[in-house]
Amino acid sequence: MDITNAVTASGTTAPVTPTPAPLALALVVASDREGRFAPVVADWFLSHLAEREDFSVTVVDLVDLDLPTALSYEPSPAVLAELAKVSPVLAAADAFVVVTPEYNHSFPASLKNLIDRHYTEWQAKPVAFVSYGGISGGLRAVEQLRQVYAEMHSVTIRDTVSFPHAHSQFDEDGRHKDPAGAEAAAKALLDQLAWWGHALRDAKAVRPYGA
């Protein structure tokens, strides 16, 4: 990284480090369920990402993918075409945010399918979670995802954004009715994600990650 010099008030020069390039962030919308609530939560979170200059965001909405659950070492041309929509995005990402509901104390099959079809794309990258659901706010799904992503050599961010009884928290226009707490949680999550994203990207630029 280039370092330039700047003149201080005392007349001496001090090194000035240029602002790093934004992190490529893939926002994975996990639900593909009919009548899903995911777009409300995802749009709310995207509105907060739009206020930040340290992320460049690409949305990966699993409702737009048609991936069979049967895995194969020799995918058909149709499956390869579907993977071509998403695999390059995951590979290019420096960090991930997963927006997930909780289904029966776990996360959607569509998300597990996406995870299992990739490996190096997840490695040595941070993953953060925005969850929603009933009384638990999707946190049981998140706890299971932490174990899955550990196997992918990912770093999961401690702080989350979660919405218990999510339908009651947003109005008919998708606005949060009492946003202060959720906004503070989103900022903490993104600050931590940015730290890990830059730390891991910088480290891999010096030494490639070896699983």
C-alpha atoms as a PDB file:
ATOM      1  CA  MET A   1       0.000   0.000   0.000  1.00  0.00           C
ATOM      2  CA  ASP A   2       1.394   3.405  -0.951  1.00  0.00           C
ATOM      3  CA  ILE A   3       1.992   5.907   1.823  1.00  0.00           C
ATOM      4  CA  THR A   4       2.176   9.620   1.125  1.00  0.00           C
ATOM      5  CA  ASN A   5       3.327  12.439   3.399  1.00  0.00           C
ATOM      6  CA  ALA A   6       1.349  15.346   4.803  1.00  0.00           C
ATOM      7  CA  VAL A   7       2.595  18.477   6.542  1.00  0.00           C
ATOM      8  CA  THR A   8       1.382  18.813  10.156  1.00  0.00           C
ATOM      9  CA  ALA A   9       0.682  22.027  12.052  1.00  0.00           C
ATOM     10  CA  SER A  10       4.206  21.915  13.471  1.00  0.00           C
ATOM     11  CA  GLY A  11       5.691  21.870   9.989  1.00  0.00           C
ATOM     12  CA  THR A  12       6.825  18.262  10.131  1.00  0.00           C
ATOM     13  CA  THR A  13       5.649  15.602   7.765  1.00  0.00           C
ATOM     14  CA  ALA A  14       3.554  12.628   8.792  1.00  0.00           C
ATOM     15  CA  PRO A  15       2.648   9.584   6.749  1.00  0.00           C
ATOM     16  CA  VAL A  16      -0.884   9.522   5.390  1.00  0.00           C
ATOM     17  CA  THR A  17      -2.351   6.162   4.528  1.00  0.00           C
ATOM     18  CA  PRO A  18      -4.855   6.269   1.652  1.00  0.00           C
ATOM     19  CA  THR A  19      -8.396   5.137   2.336  1.00  0.00           C
ATOM     20  CA  PRO A  20      -8.631   1.422   1.507  1.00  0.00           C
ATOM     21  CA  ALA A  21     -10.884   0.256  -1.295  1.00  0.00           C
ATOM     22  CA  PRO A  22     -14.410  -0.665  -0.204  1.00  0.00           C
ATOM     23  CA  LEU A  23     -14.979  -4.252   0.805  1.00  0.00           C
ATOM     24  CA  ALA A  24     -16.928  -6.344  -1.687  1.00  0.00           C
ATOM     25  CA  LEU A  25     -19.916  -7.492   0.360  1.00  0.00           C
ATOM     26  CA  ALA A  26     -22.280 -10.255  -0.731  1.00  0.00           C
ATOM     27  CA  LEU A  27     -25.669  -9.969   0.981  1.00  0.00           C
ATOM     28  CA  VAL A  28     -27.230 -13.442   0.905  1.00  0.00           C
ATOM     29  CA  VAL A  29     -31.016 -13.497   1.251  1.00  0.00           C
ATOM     30  CA  ALA A  30     -31.588 -17.050   2.422  1.00  0.00           C
ATOM     31  CA  SER A  31     -35.336 -17.600   2.236  1.00  0.00           C
ATOM     32  CA  ASP A  32     -37.022 -18.866  -0.920  1.00  0.00           C
ATOM     33  CA  ARG A  33     -40.299 -19.649   0.809  1.00  0.00           C
ATOM     34  CA  GLU A  34     -43.608 -18.608  -0.754  1.00  0.00           C
ATOM     35  CA  GLY A  35     -44.942 -15.504   0.974  1.00  0.00           C
ATOM     36  CA  ARG A  36     -41.567 -14.864   2.608  1.00  0.00           C
ATOM     37  CA  PHE A  37     -40.859 -11.867   4.829  1.00  0.00           C
ATOM     38  CA  ALA A  38     -37.221 -11.731   3.750  1.00  0.00           C
ATOM     39  CA  PRO A  39     -37.479  -8.750   1.365  1.00  0.00           C
ATOM     40  CA  VAL A  40     -38.706  -6.485   4.171  1.00  0.00           C
ATOM     41  CA  VAL A  41     -35.744  -7.327   6.401  1.00  0.00           C
ATOM     42  CA  ALA A  42     -33.237  -7.291   3.549  1.00  0.00           C
ATOM     43  CA  ASP A  43     -34.421  -3.920   2.241  1.00  0.00           C
ATOM     44  CA  TRP A  44     -34.234  -2.435   5.733  1.00  0.00           C
ATOM     45  CA  PHE A  45     -30.655  -3.622   6.094  1.00  0.00           C
ATOM     46  CA  LEU A  46     -29.702  -2.480   2.601  1.00  0.00           C
ATOM     47  CA  SER A  47     -30.902   1.027   3.470  1.00  0.00           C
ATOM     48  CA  HIS A  48     -28.285   1.098   6.228  1.00  0.00           C
ATOM     49  CA  LEU A  49     -25.581  -0.268   3.975  1.00  0.00           C
ATOM     50  CA  ALA A  50     -26.326   2.534   1.521  1.00  0.00           C
ATOM     51  CA  GLU A  51     -25.172   5.030   4.145  1.00  0.00           C
ATOM     52  CA  ARG A  52     -21.693   3.495   4.320  1.00  0.00           C
ATOM     53  CA  GLU A  53     -18.777   4.002   1.958  1.00  0.00           C
ATOM     54  CA  ASP A  54     -16.700   1.059   3.207  1.00  0.00           C
ATOM     55  CA  PHE A  55     -18.799  -1.608   1.465  1.00  0.00           C
ATOM     56  CA  SER A  56     -19.707  -2.316  -2.151  1.00  0.00           C
ATOM     57  CA  VAL A  57     -22.796  -4.530  -2.054  1.00  0.00           C
ATOM     58  CA  THR A  58     -24.083  -7.294  -4.315  1.00  0.00           C
ATOM     59  CA  VAL A  59     -27.320  -9.054  -3.376  1.00  0.00           C
ATOM     60  CA  VAL A  60     -27.535 -12.833  -3.743  1.00  0.00           C
ATOM     61  CA  ASP A  61     -31.239 -13.672  -3.422  1.00  0.00           C
ATOM     62  CA  LEU A  62     -31.744 -17.421  -3.324  1.00  0.00           C
ATOM     63  CA  VAL A  63     -35.269 -17.101  -4.672  1.00  0.00           C
ATOM     64  CA  ASP A  64     -33.620 -16.270  -7.998  1.00  0.00           C
ATOM     65  CA  LEU A  65     -31.628 -19.527  -8.110  1.00  0.00           C
ATOM     66  CA  ASP A  66     -32.879 -22.934  -9.184  1.00  0.00           C
ATOM     67  CA  LEU A  67     -30.378 -25.313  -7.620  1.00  0.00           C
ATOM     68  CA  PRO A  68     -31.428 -28.923  -6.995  1.00  0.00           C
ATOM     69  CA  THR A  69     -30.641 -30.358  -3.582  1.00  0.00           C
ATOM     70  CA  ALA A  70     -28.920 -33.397  -5.131  1.00  0.00           C
ATOM     71  CA  LEU A  71     -25.192 -32.649  -5.155  1.00  0.00           C
ATOM     72  CA  SER A  72     -22.948 -33.935  -7.910  1.00  0.00           C
ATOM     73  CA  TYR A  73     -19.253 -33.798  -8.771  1.00  0.00           C
ATOM     74  CA  GLU A  74     -20.321 -33.448 -12.407  1.00  0.00           C
ATOM     75  CA  PRO A  75     -23.180 -30.915 -12.434  1.00  0.00           C
ATOM     76  CA  SER A  76     -25.430 -30.761 -15.451  1.00  0.00           C
ATOM     77  CA  PRO A  77     -25.221 -27.797 -17.843  1.00  0.00           C
ATOM     78  CA  ALA A  78     -28.417 -26.421 -16.276  1.00  0.00           C
ATOM     79  CA  VAL A  79     -26.911 -26.528 -12.788  1.00  0.00           C
ATOM     80  CA  LEU A  80     -23.650 -25.009 -14.019  1.00  0.00           C
ATOM     81  CA  ALA A  81     -25.645 -22.160 -15.542  1.00  0.00           C
ATOM     82  CA  GLU A  82     -27.316 -21.494 -12.188  1.00  0.00           C
ATOM     83  CA  LEU A  83     -24.001 -21.649 -10.350  1.00  0.00           C
ATOM     84  CA  ALA A  84     -22.544 -19.170 -12.825  1.00  0.00           C
ATOM     85  CA  LYS A  85     -24.994 -16.614 -11.439  1.00  0.00           C
ATOM     86  CA  VAL A  86     -23.710 -16.888  -7.902  1.00  0.00           C
ATOM     87  CA  SER A  87     -20.301 -18.574  -7.611  1.00  0.00           C
ATOM     88  CA  PRO A  88     -18.311 -15.640  -9.074  1.00  0.00           C
ATOM     89  CA  VAL A  89     -20.047 -13.254  -6.665  1.00  0.00           C
ATOM     90  CA  LEU A  90     -19.142 -15.398  -3.664  1.00  0.00           C
ATOM     91  CA  ALA A  91     -15.570 -15.810  -4.900  1.00  0.00           C
ATOM     92  CA  ALA A  92     -15.112 -12.069  -5.355  1.00  0.00           C
ATOM     93  CA  ALA A  93     -16.609 -11.143  -2.000  1.00  0.00           C
ATOM     94  CA  ASP A  94     -14.444  -9.950   0.866  1.00  0.00           C
ATOM     95  CA  ALA A  95     -17.268 -10.409   3.381  1.00  0.00           C
ATOM     96  CA  PHE A  96     -20.798 -11.752   3.704  1.00  0.00           C
ATOM     97  CA  VAL A  97     -24.024 -10.859   5.448  1.00  0.00           C
ATOM     98  CA  VAL A  98     -26.618 -13.628   5.601  1.00  0.00           C
ATOM     99  CA  VAL A  99     -30.259 -12.606   6.073  1.00  0.00           C
ATOM    100  CA  THR A 100     -32.018 -15.691   7.384  1.00  0.00           C
ATOM    101  CA  PRO A 101     -35.308 -16.722   8.935  1.00  0.00           C
ATOM    102  CA  GLU A 102     -35.672 -19.554  11.408  1.00  0.00           C
ATOM    103  CA  TYR A 103     -37.600 -22.591  10.229  1.00  0.00           C
ATOM    104  CA  ASN A 104     -38.210 -25.281  12.856  1.00  0.00           C
ATOM    105  CA  HIS A 105     -35.248 -24.166  14.992  1.00  0.00           C
ATOM    106  CA  SER A 106     -32.903 -24.074  11.979  1.00  0.00           C
ATOM    107  CA  PHE A 107     -32.101 -22.224   8.763  1.00  0.00           C
ATOM    108  CA  PRO A 108     -33.524 -22.753   5.255  1.00  0.00           C
ATOM    109  CA  ALA A 109     -32.495 -25.692   3.090  1.00  0.00           C
ATOM    110  CA  SER A 110     -31.824 -23.258   0.257  1.00  0.00           C
ATOM    111  CA  LEU A 111     -29.006 -21.710   2.285  1.00  0.00           C
ATOM    112  CA  LYS A 112     -27.461 -25.064   3.220  1.00  0.00           C
ATOM    113  CA  ASN A 113     -27.542 -26.014  -0.450  1.00  0.00           C
ATOM    114  CA  LEU A 114     -25.692 -22.822  -1.376  1.00  0.00           C
ATOM    115  CA  ILE A 115     -23.094 -23.341   1.331  1.00  0.00           C
ATOM    116  CA  ASP A 116     -22.480 -26.983   0.449  1.00  0.00           C
ATOM    117  CA  ARG A 117     -21.950 -26.206  -3.236  1.00  0.00           C
ATOM    118  CA  HIS A 118     -19.013 -23.909  -2.421  1.00  0.00           C
ATOM    119  CA  TYR A 119     -15.890 -24.145  -0.324  1.00  0.00           C
ATOM    120  CA  THR A 120     -12.946 -21.936  -1.178  1.00  0.00           C
ATOM    121  CA  GLU A 121     -15.374 -19.076  -1.841  1.00  0.00           C
ATOM    122  CA  TRP A 122     -16.106 -18.880   1.912  1.00  0.00           C
ATOM    123  CA  GLN A 123     -12.584 -19.392   3.237  1.00  0.00           C
ATOM    124  CA  ALA A 124     -10.860 -16.800   5.420  1.00  0.00           C
ATOM    125  CA  LYS A 125     -13.726 -14.327   5.070  1.00  0.00           C
ATOM    126  CA  PRO A 126     -16.045 -12.863   7.716  1.00  0.00           C
ATOM    127  CA  VAL A 127     -19.744 -13.739   7.820  1.00  0.00           C
ATOM    128  CA  ALA A 128     -22.352 -11.699   9.703  1.00  0.00           C
ATOM    129  CA  PHE A 129     -25.988 -12.553  10.341  1.00  0.00           C
ATOM    130  CA  VAL A 130     -29.288 -10.690  10.235  1.00  0.00           C
ATOM    131  CA  SER A 131     -32.046 -12.981  11.461  1.00  0.00           C
ATOM    132  CA  TYR A 132     -35.762 -12.879  12.017  1.00  0.00           C
ATOM    133  CA  GLY A 133     -38.477 -15.160  13.258  1.00  0.00           C
ATOM    134  CA  GLY A 134     -40.795 -15.717  16.200  1.00  0.00           C
ATOM    135  CA  ILE A 135     -39.850 -15.428  19.841  1.00  0.00           C
ATOM    136  CA  SER A 136     -36.175 -16.278  19.229  1.00  0.00           C
ATOM    137  CA  GLY A 137     -35.674 -13.762  16.430  1.00  0.00           C
ATOM    138  CA  GLY A 138     -33.939 -16.409  14.356  1.00  0.00           C
ATOM    139  CA  LEU A 139     -31.017 -16.792  16.758  1.00  0.00           C
ATOM    140  CA  ARG A 140     -31.274 -20.593  16.839  1.00  0.00           C
ATOM    141  CA  ALA A 141     -30.733 -20.596  13.079  1.00  0.00           C
ATOM    142  CA  VAL A 142     -27.718 -18.321  13.540  1.00  0.00           C
ATOM    143  CA  GLU A 143     -26.132 -20.570  16.169  1.00  0.00           C
ATOM    144  CA  GLN A 144     -26.342 -23.522  13.807  1.00  0.00           C
ATOM    145  CA  LEU A 145     -24.900 -21.452  10.978  1.00  0.00           C
ATOM    146  CA  ARG A 146     -21.876 -20.577  13.095  1.00  0.00           C
ATOM    147  CA  GLN A 147     -20.977 -24.271  13.258  1.00  0.00           C
ATOM    148  CA  VAL A 148     -21.477 -24.729   9.516  1.00  0.00           C
ATOM    149  CA  TYR A 149     -19.385 -21.697   8.600  1.00  0.00           C
ATOM    150  CA  ALA A 150     -16.612 -22.761  10.976  1.00  0.00           C
ATOM    151  CA  GLU A 151     -16.263 -25.856   8.800  1.00  0.00           C
ATOM    152  CA  MET A 152     -15.964 -23.527   5.788  1.00  0.00           C
ATOM    153  CA  HIS A 153     -12.977 -21.760   7.445  1.00  0.00           C
ATOM    154  CA  SER A 154     -15.027 -18.581   7.803  1.00  0.00           C
ATOM    155  CA  VAL A 155     -14.960 -16.118  10.700  1.00  0.00           C
ATOM    156  CA  THR A 156     -18.422 -15.375  12.071  1.00  0.00           C
ATOM    157  CA  ILE A 157     -19.138 -11.974  13.578  1.00  0.00           C
ATOM    158  CA  ARG A 158     -20.228 -12.103  17.202  1.00  0.00           C
ATOM    159  CA  ASP A 159     -22.862  -9.349  17.131  1.00  0.00           C
ATOM    160  CA  THR A 160     -26.045  -9.898  15.159  1.00  0.00           C
ATOM    161  CA  VAL A 161     -29.176  -8.034  14.160  1.00  0.00           C
ATOM    162  CA  SER A 162     -32.251 -10.051  15.083  1.00  0.00           C
ATOM    163  CA  PHE A 163     -35.966  -9.384  14.850  1.00  0.00           C
ATOM    164  CA  PRO A 164     -38.212 -11.420  17.179  1.00  0.00           C
ATOM    165  CA  HIS A 165     -41.846 -11.451  16.088  1.00  0.00           C
ATOM    166  CA  ALA A 166     -40.570  -9.712  12.974  1.00  0.00           C
ATOM    167  CA  HIS A 167     -43.923  -9.088  11.309  1.00  0.00           C
ATOM    168  CA  SER A 168     -45.011  -6.890  14.197  1.00  0.00           C
ATOM    169  CA  GLN A 169     -41.853  -4.748  14.113  1.00  0.00           C
ATOM    170  CA  PHE A 170     -42.358  -3.248  10.640  1.00  0.00           C
ATOM    171  CA  ASP A 171     -45.191  -1.197   9.211  1.00  0.00           C
ATOM    172  CA  GLU A 172     -46.902  -1.882   5.885  1.00  0.00           C
ATOM    173  CA  ASP A 173     -44.266   0.191   4.064  1.00  0.00           C
ATOM    174  CA  GLY A 174     -41.371  -1.812   5.498  1.00  0.00           C
ATOM    175  CA  ARG A 175     -40.317   0.843   8.008  1.00  0.00           C
ATOM    176  CA  HIS A 176     -39.228  -0.256  11.456  1.00  0.00           C
ATOM    177  CA  LYS A 177     -41.655   1.038  14.074  1.00  0.00           C
ATOM    178  CA  ASP A 178     -39.024   1.568  16.784  1.00  0.00           C
ATOM    179  CA  PRO A 179     -35.701   1.580  14.977  1.00  0.00           C
ATOM    180  CA  ALA A 180     -33.200   2.873  17.558  1.00  0.00           C
ATOM    181  CA  GLY A 181     -32.133  -0.509  18.933  1.00  0.00           C
ATOM    182  CA  ALA A 182     -32.002  -2.221  15.556  1.00  0.00           C
ATOM    183  CA  GLU A 183     -30.047   0.634  14.014  1.00  0.00           C
ATOM    184  CA  ALA A 184     -27.470   0.502  16.814  1.00  0.00           C
ATOM    185  CA  ALA A 185     -27.160  -3.260  16.331  1.00  0.00           C
ATOM    186  CA  ALA A 186     -26.711  -2.847  12.583  1.00  0.00           C
ATOM    187  CA  LYS A 187     -23.941  -0.296  13.097  1.00  0.00           C
ATOM    188  CA  ALA A 188     -22.103  -2.553  15.559  1.00  0.00           C
ATOM    189  CA  LEU A 189     -22.399  -5.510  13.192  1.00  0.00           C
ATOM    190  CA  LEU A 190     -21.123  -3.556  10.195  1.00  0.00           C
ATOM    191  CA  ASP A 191     -18.266  -1.982  12.154  1.00  0.00           C
ATOM    192  CA  GLN A 192     -17.086  -5.422  13.261  1.00  0.00           C
ATOM    193  CA  LEU A 193     -17.581  -6.866   9.790  1.00  0.00           C
ATOM    194  CA  ALA A 194     -15.525  -4.049   8.271  1.00  0.00           C
ATOM    195  CA  TRP A 195     -12.672  -4.626  10.740  1.00  0.00           C
ATOM    196  CA  TRP A 196     -12.526  -8.343  10.019  1.00  0.00           C
ATOM    197  CA  GLY A 197     -13.014  -7.829   6.307  1.00  0.00           C
ATOM    198  CA  HIS A 198     -10.058  -5.467   6.020  1.00  0.00           C
ATOM    199  CA  ALA A 199      -7.881  -7.519   8.380  1.00  0.00           C
ATOM    200  CA  LEU A 200      -8.419 -10.747   6.459  1.00  0.00           C
ATOM    201  CA  ARG A 201      -8.152  -9.134   3.029  1.00  0.00           C
ATOM    202  CA  ASP A 202      -4.877  -7.481   4.005  1.00  0.00           C
ATOM    203  CA  ALA A 203      -3.530 -10.703   5.494  1.00  0.00           C
ATOM    204  CA  LYS A 204      -4.346 -12.720   2.384  1.00  0.00           C
ATOM    205  CA  ALA A 205      -2.603 -10.128   0.231  1.00  0.00           C
ATOM    206  CA  VAL A 206       0.609 -10.862   2.162  1.00  0.00           C
ATOM    207  CA  ARG A 207       0.159 -14.599   2.629  1.00  0.00           C
ATOM    208  CA  PRO A 208      -2.434 -16.747   0.805  1.00  0.00           C
ATOM    209  CA  TYR A 209      -4.712 -18.673   3.121  1.00  0.00           C
ATOM    210  CA  GLY A 210      -4.001 -22.403   3.338  1.00  0.00           C
ATOM    211  CA  ALA A 211      -6.868 -24.571   4.580  1.00  0.00           C
END
